[in-house]
């Protein structure tokens, strides 16, 4: 696979992942916040962070 094909495929995949996060947040009435943008940039890592990051468990959270 040449570099241009790889970059196009990666961009399309990340765009799909970001769309999934946005639709999921809308469907579950959850605030998507920064996660669609991070998912667009980082792909699967952004999806994992969207599902597993809990802002309430940070410093001062319970």
PDB file of N, CA and C in Angstrom:
ATOM      1  N   UNK A   1       0.860  -1.170   0.000  1.00  0.00           N
ATOM      2  CA  UNK A   1       0.000   0.000   0.000  1.00  0.00           C
ATOM      3  C   UNK A   1       0.907   1.234   0.000  1.00  0.00           C
ATOM      4  N   UNK A   2       0.625   2.145  -0.894  1.00  0.00           N
ATOM      5  CA  UNK A   2       1.442   3.361  -0.930  1.00  0.00           C
ATOM      6  C   UNK A   2       0.986   4.341   0.145  1.00  0.00           C
ATOM      7  N   UNK A   3       1.798   5.338   0.397  1.00  0.00           N
ATOM      8  CA  UNK A   3       1.546   6.277   1.498  1.00  0.00           C
ATOM      9  C   UNK A   3       0.248   7.058   1.309  1.00  0.00           C
ATOM     10  N   UNK A   4      -0.049   7.471   0.088  1.00  0.00           N
ATOM     11  CA  UNK A   4      -1.259   8.257  -0.148  1.00  0.00           C
ATOM     12  C   UNK A   4      -2.511   7.426   0.136  1.00  0.00           C
ATOM     13  N   UNK A   5      -2.530   6.186  -0.297  1.00  0.00           N
ATOM     14  CA  UNK A   5      -3.673   5.316  -0.023  1.00  0.00           C
ATOM     15  C   UNK A   5      -3.843   5.076   1.473  1.00  0.00           C
ATOM     16  N   UNK A   6      -2.725   4.886   2.163  1.00  0.00           N
ATOM     17  CA  UNK A   6      -2.766   4.683   3.609  1.00  0.00           C
ATOM     18  C   UNK A   6      -3.341   5.902   4.321  1.00  0.00           C
ATOM     19  N   UNK A   7      -2.895   7.095   3.941  1.00  0.00           N
ATOM     20  CA  UNK A   7      -3.391   8.317   4.581  1.00  0.00           C
ATOM     21  C   UNK A   7      -4.870   8.541   4.300  1.00  0.00           C
ATOM     22  N   UNK A   8      -5.311   8.264   3.098  1.00  0.00           N
ATOM     23  CA  UNK A   8      -6.738   8.407   2.770  1.00  0.00           C
ATOM     24  C   UNK A   8      -7.561   7.414   3.579  1.00  0.00           C
ATOM     25  N   UNK A   9      -7.120   6.163   3.653  1.00  0.00           N
ATOM     26  CA  UNK A   9      -7.849   5.154   4.426  1.00  0.00           C
ATOM     27  C   UNK A   9      -7.882   5.514   5.908  1.00  0.00           C
ATOM     28  N   UNK A  10      -6.775   6.013   6.431  1.00  0.00           N
ATOM     29  CA  UNK A  10      -6.713   6.422   7.834  1.00  0.00           C
ATOM     30  C   UNK A  10      -7.655   7.585   8.099  1.00  0.00           C
ATOM     31  N   UNK A  11      -7.662   8.575   7.214  1.00  0.00           N
ATOM     32  CA  UNK A  11      -8.552   9.716   7.375  1.00  0.00           C
ATOM     33  C   UNK A  11     -10.012   9.282   7.346  1.00  0.00           C
ATOM     34  N   UNK A  12     -10.367   8.411   6.425  1.00  0.00           N
ATOM     35  CA  UNK A  12     -11.753   7.929   6.335  1.00  0.00           C
ATOM     36  C   UNK A  12     -12.135   7.160   7.599  1.00  0.00           C
ATOM     37  N   UNK A  13     -11.231   6.332   8.107  1.00  0.00           N
ATOM     38  CA  UNK A  13     -11.515   5.580   9.336  1.00  0.00           C
ATOM     39  C   UNK A  13     -11.699   6.519  10.519  1.00  0.00           C
ATOM     40  N   UNK A  14     -10.829   7.492  10.662  1.00  0.00           N
ATOM     41  CA  UNK A  14     -10.934   8.431  11.782  1.00  0.00           C
ATOM     42  C   UNK A  14     -12.195   9.276  11.672  1.00  0.00           C
ATOM     43  N   UNK A  15     -12.577   9.635  10.469  1.00  0.00           N
ATOM     44  CA  UNK A  15     -13.811  10.377  10.261  1.00  0.00           C
ATOM     45  C   UNK A  15     -15.017   9.525  10.680  1.00  0.00           C
ATOM     46  N   UNK A  16     -14.985   8.253  10.342  1.00  0.00           N
ATOM     47  CA  UNK A  16     -16.052   7.341  10.769  1.00  0.00           C
ATOM     48  C   UNK A  16     -16.094   7.173  12.280  1.00  0.00           C
ATOM     49  N   UNK A  17     -14.929   7.047  12.900  1.00  0.00           N
ATOM     50  CA  UNK A  17     -14.873   6.917  14.356  1.00  0.00           C
ATOM     51  C   UNK A  17     -15.436   8.164  15.040  1.00  0.00           C
ATOM     52  N   UNK A  18     -15.045   9.337  14.557  1.00  0.00           N
ATOM     53  CA  UNK A  18     -15.533  10.591  15.135  1.00  0.00           C
ATOM     54  C   UNK A  18     -17.042  10.719  14.944  1.00  0.00           C
ATOM     55  N   UNK A  19     -17.538  10.293  13.801  1.00  0.00           N
ATOM     56  CA  UNK A  19     -18.986  10.311  13.555  1.00  0.00           C
ATOM     57  C   UNK A  19     -19.705   9.377  14.520  1.00  0.00           C
ATOM     58  N   UNK A  20     -19.119   8.211  14.759  1.00  0.00           N
ATOM     59  CA  UNK A  20     -19.710   7.260  15.704  1.00  0.00           C
ATOM     60  C   UNK A  20     -19.808   7.863  17.104  1.00  0.00           C
ATOM     61  N   UNK A  21     -18.751   8.510  17.556  1.00  0.00           N
ATOM     62  CA  UNK A  21     -18.764   9.129  18.882  1.00  0.00           C
ATOM     63  C   UNK A  21     -19.844  10.201  18.951  1.00  0.00           C
ATOM     64  N   UNK A  22     -19.951  11.012  17.918  1.00  0.00           N
ATOM     65  CA  UNK A  22     -20.953  12.077  17.885  1.00  0.00           C
ATOM     66  C   UNK A  22     -22.365  11.514  17.909  1.00  0.00           C
ATOM     67  N   UNK A  23     -22.627  10.514  17.097  1.00  0.00           N
ATOM     68  CA  UNK A  23     -23.967   9.906  17.049  1.00  0.00           C
ATOM     69  C   UNK A  23     -24.281   9.208  18.369  1.00  0.00           C
ATOM     70  N   UNK A  24     -23.312   8.510  18.944  1.00  0.00           N
ATOM     71  CA  UNK A  24     -23.538   7.828  20.214  1.00  0.00           C
ATOM     72  C   UNK A  24     -23.871   8.830  21.316  1.00  0.00           C
ATOM     73  N   UNK A  25     -23.125   9.927  21.368  1.00  0.00           N
ATOM     74  CA  UNK A  25     -23.390  10.947  22.384  1.00  0.00           C
ATOM     75  C   UNK A  25     -24.784  11.532  22.214  1.00  0.00           C
ATOM     76  N   UNK A  26     -25.182  11.770  20.984  1.00  0.00           N
ATOM     77  CA  UNK A  26     -26.519  12.309  20.723  1.00  0.00           C
ATOM     78  C   UNK A  26     -27.600  11.295  21.113  1.00  0.00           C
ATOM     79  N   UNK A  27     -27.402  10.032  20.738  1.00  0.00           N
ATOM     80  CA  UNK A  27     -28.406   8.994  21.000  1.00  0.00           C
ATOM     81  C   UNK A  27     -28.570   8.688  22.482  1.00  0.00           C
ATOM     82  N   UNK A  28     -27.495   8.831  23.247  1.00  0.00           N
ATOM     83  CA  UNK A  28     -27.550   8.529  24.675  1.00  0.00           C
ATOM     84  C   UNK A  28     -27.714   9.786  25.518  1.00  0.00           C
ATOM     85  N   UNK A  29     -27.923  10.916  24.870  1.00  0.00           N
ATOM     86  CA  UNK A  29     -28.099  12.203  25.544  1.00  0.00           C
ATOM     87  C   UNK A  29     -26.911  12.507  26.455  1.00  0.00           C
ATOM     88  N   UNK A  30     -25.731  12.217  25.941  1.00  0.00           N
ATOM     89  CA  UNK A  30     -24.475  12.441  26.657  1.00  0.00           C
ATOM     90  C   UNK A  30     -23.732  13.589  25.990  1.00  0.00           C
ATOM     91  N   UNK A  31     -23.029  14.393  26.752  1.00  0.00           N
ATOM     92  CA  UNK A  31     -22.256  15.490  26.188  1.00  0.00           C
ATOM     93  C   UNK A  31     -21.008  14.934  25.510  1.00  0.00           C
ATOM     94  N   UNK A  32     -20.885  15.147  24.224  1.00  0.00           N
ATOM     95  CA  UNK A  32     -19.727  14.644  23.483  1.00  0.00           C
ATOM     96  C   UNK A  32     -18.473  15.435  23.819  1.00  0.00           C
ATOM     97  N   UNK A  33     -18.640  16.693  24.161  1.00  0.00           N
ATOM     98  CA  UNK A  33     -17.509  17.518  24.540  1.00  0.00           C
ATOM     99  C   UNK A  33     -16.416  17.551  23.495  1.00  0.00           C
ATOM    100  N   UNK A  34     -15.197  17.304  23.926  1.00  0.00           N
ATOM    101  CA  UNK A  34     -14.025  17.361  23.046  1.00  0.00           C
ATOM    102  C   UNK A  34     -13.747  16.044  22.334  1.00  0.00           C
ATOM    103  N   UNK A  35     -14.473  14.993  22.668  1.00  0.00           N
ATOM    104  CA  UNK A  35     -14.137  13.654  22.188  1.00  0.00           C
ATOM    105  C   UNK A  35     -14.249  13.451  20.689  1.00  0.00           C
ATOM    106  N   UNK A  36     -15.223  14.036  19.982  1.00  0.00           N
ATOM    107  CA  UNK A  36     -15.211  13.853  18.520  1.00  0.00           C
ATOM    108  C   UNK A  36     -13.936  14.413  17.870  1.00  0.00           C
ATOM    109  N   UNK A  37     -13.445  15.546  18.358  1.00  0.00           N
ATOM    110  CA  UNK A  37     -12.230  16.133  17.798  1.00  0.00           C
ATOM    111  C   UNK A  37     -11.001  15.286  18.129  1.00  0.00           C
ATOM    112  N   UNK A  38     -10.927  14.809  19.363  1.00  0.00           N
ATOM    113  CA  UNK A  38      -9.796  13.952  19.747  1.00  0.00           C
ATOM    114  C   UNK A  38      -9.839  12.627  18.999  1.00  0.00           C
ATOM    115  N   UNK A  39     -11.040  12.097  18.782  1.00  0.00           N
ATOM    116  CA  UNK A  39     -11.173  10.844  18.035  1.00  0.00           C
ATOM    117  C   UNK A  39     -10.772  11.052  16.582  1.00  0.00           C
ATOM    118  N   UNK A  40     -11.122  12.200  16.020  1.00  0.00           N
ATOM    119  CA  UNK A  40     -10.706  12.500  14.654  1.00  0.00           C
ATOM    120  C   UNK A  40      -9.180  12.518  14.559  1.00  0.00           C
ATOM    121  N   UNK A  41      -8.533  13.026  15.578  1.00  0.00           N
ATOM    122  CA  UNK A  41      -7.074  13.117  15.560  1.00  0.00           C
ATOM    123  C   UNK A  41      -6.388  11.799  15.917  1.00  0.00           C
ATOM    124  N   UNK A  42      -6.936  11.054  16.889  1.00  0.00           N
ATOM    125  CA  UNK A  42      -6.227   9.889  17.417  1.00  0.00           C
ATOM    126  C   UNK A  42      -6.910   8.544  17.169  1.00  0.00           C
ATOM    127  N   UNK A  43      -8.049   8.530  16.513  1.00  0.00           N
ATOM    128  CA  UNK A  43      -8.698   7.282  16.128  1.00  0.00           C
ATOM    129  C   UNK A  43      -9.211   6.461  17.290  1.00  0.00           C
ATOM    130  N   UNK A  44      -8.819   5.199  17.337  1.00  0.00           N
ATOM    131  CA  UNK A  44      -9.318   4.269  18.356  1.00  0.00           C
ATOM    132  C   UNK A  44      -8.983   4.716  19.778  1.00  0.00           C
ATOM    133  N   UNK A  45      -7.871   5.393  19.956  1.00  0.00           N
ATOM    134  CA  UNK A  45      -7.521   5.900  21.288  1.00  0.00           C
ATOM    135  C   UNK A  45      -8.564   6.918  21.747  1.00  0.00           C
ATOM    136  N   UNK A  46      -9.073   7.724  20.846  1.00  0.00           N
ATOM    137  CA  UNK A  46     -10.118   8.682  21.178  1.00  0.00           C
ATOM    138  C   UNK A  46     -11.420   8.009  21.562  1.00  0.00           C
ATOM    139  N   UNK A  47     -11.767   6.930  20.866  1.00  0.00           N
ATOM    140  CA  UNK A  47     -12.977   6.173  21.214  1.00  0.00           C
ATOM    141  C   UNK A  47     -12.827   5.565  22.603  1.00  0.00           C
ATOM    142  N   UNK A  48     -11.681   4.966  22.879  1.00  0.00           N
ATOM    143  CA  UNK A  48     -11.452   4.373  24.198  1.00  0.00           C
ATOM    144  C   UNK A  48     -11.552   5.430  25.292  1.00  0.00           C
ATOM    145  N   UNK A  49     -10.959   6.579  25.062  1.00  0.00           N
ATOM    146  CA  UNK A  49     -11.024   7.648  26.058  1.00  0.00           C
ATOM    147  C   UNK A  49     -12.452   8.137  26.252  1.00  0.00           C
ATOM    148  N   UNK A  50     -13.210   8.243  25.168  1.00  0.00           N
ATOM    149  CA  UNK A  50     -14.612   8.684  25.252  1.00  0.00           C
ATOM    150  C   UNK A  50     -15.410   7.754  26.158  1.00  0.00           C
ATOM    151  N   UNK A  51     -15.214   6.459  26.007  1.00  0.00           N
ATOM    152  CA  UNK A  51     -16.000   5.506  26.790  1.00  0.00           C
ATOM    153  C   UNK A  51     -15.471   5.305  28.211  1.00  0.00           C
ATOM    154  N   UNK A  52     -14.163   5.429  28.432  1.00  0.00           N
ATOM    155  CA  UNK A  52     -13.607   5.072  29.728  1.00  0.00           C
ATOM    156  C   UNK A  52     -13.171   6.248  30.590  1.00  0.00           C
ATOM    157  N   UNK A  53     -13.067   7.446  30.030  1.00  0.00           N
ATOM    158  CA  UNK A  53     -12.666   8.607  30.809  1.00  0.00           C
ATOM    159  C   UNK A  53     -13.865   9.112  31.601  1.00  0.00           C
ATOM    160  N   UNK A  54     -13.685   9.274  32.883  1.00  0.00           N
ATOM    161  CA  UNK A  54     -14.761   9.747  33.757  1.00  0.00           C
ATOM    162  C   UNK A  54     -14.267  11.002  34.463  1.00  0.00           C
ATOM    163  N   UNK A  55     -14.828  12.155  34.091  1.00  0.00           N
ATOM    164  CA  UNK A  55     -14.368  13.411  34.663  1.00  0.00           C
ATOM    165  C   UNK A  55     -14.599  13.483  36.156  1.00  0.00           C
ATOM    166  N   UNK A  56     -15.613  12.804  36.674  1.00  0.00           N
ATOM    167  CA  UNK A  56     -15.916  12.883  38.098  1.00  0.00           C
ATOM    168  C   UNK A  56     -14.928  12.116  38.958  1.00  0.00           C
ATOM    169  N   UNK A  57     -14.074  11.271  38.366  1.00  0.00           N
ATOM    170  CA  UNK A  57     -13.128  10.502  39.163  1.00  0.00           C
ATOM    171  C   UNK A  57     -11.761  11.176  39.250  1.00  0.00           C
ATOM    172  N   UNK A  58     -11.659  12.415  38.781  1.00  0.00           N
ATOM    173  CA  UNK A  58     -10.406  13.145  38.852  1.00  0.00           C
ATOM    174  C   UNK A  58     -10.165  13.679  40.260  1.00  0.00           C
ATOM    175  N   UNK A  59      -9.152  14.514  40.418  1.00  0.00           N
ATOM    176  CA  UNK A  59      -8.875  15.098  41.746  1.00  0.00           C
ATOM    177  C   UNK A  59     -10.087  15.860  42.269  1.00  0.00           C
ATOM    178  N   UNK A  60     -10.458  15.571  43.477  1.00  0.00           N
ATOM    179  CA  UNK A  60     -11.613  16.209  44.076  1.00  0.00           C
ATOM    180  C   UNK A  60     -12.930  15.480  43.785  1.00  0.00           C
ATOM    181  N   UNK A  61     -12.906  14.516  42.839  1.00  0.00           N
ATOM    182  CA  UNK A  61     -14.107  13.727  42.539  1.00  0.00           C
ATOM    183  C   UNK A  61     -14.268  12.617  43.540  1.00  0.00           C
ATOM    184  N   UNK A  62     -15.376  11.900  43.448  1.00  0.00           N
ATOM    185  CA  UNK A  62     -15.588  10.819  44.421  1.00  0.00           C
ATOM    186  C   UNK A  62     -15.337   9.473  43.810  1.00  0.00           C
TER     187      UNK A  62
END
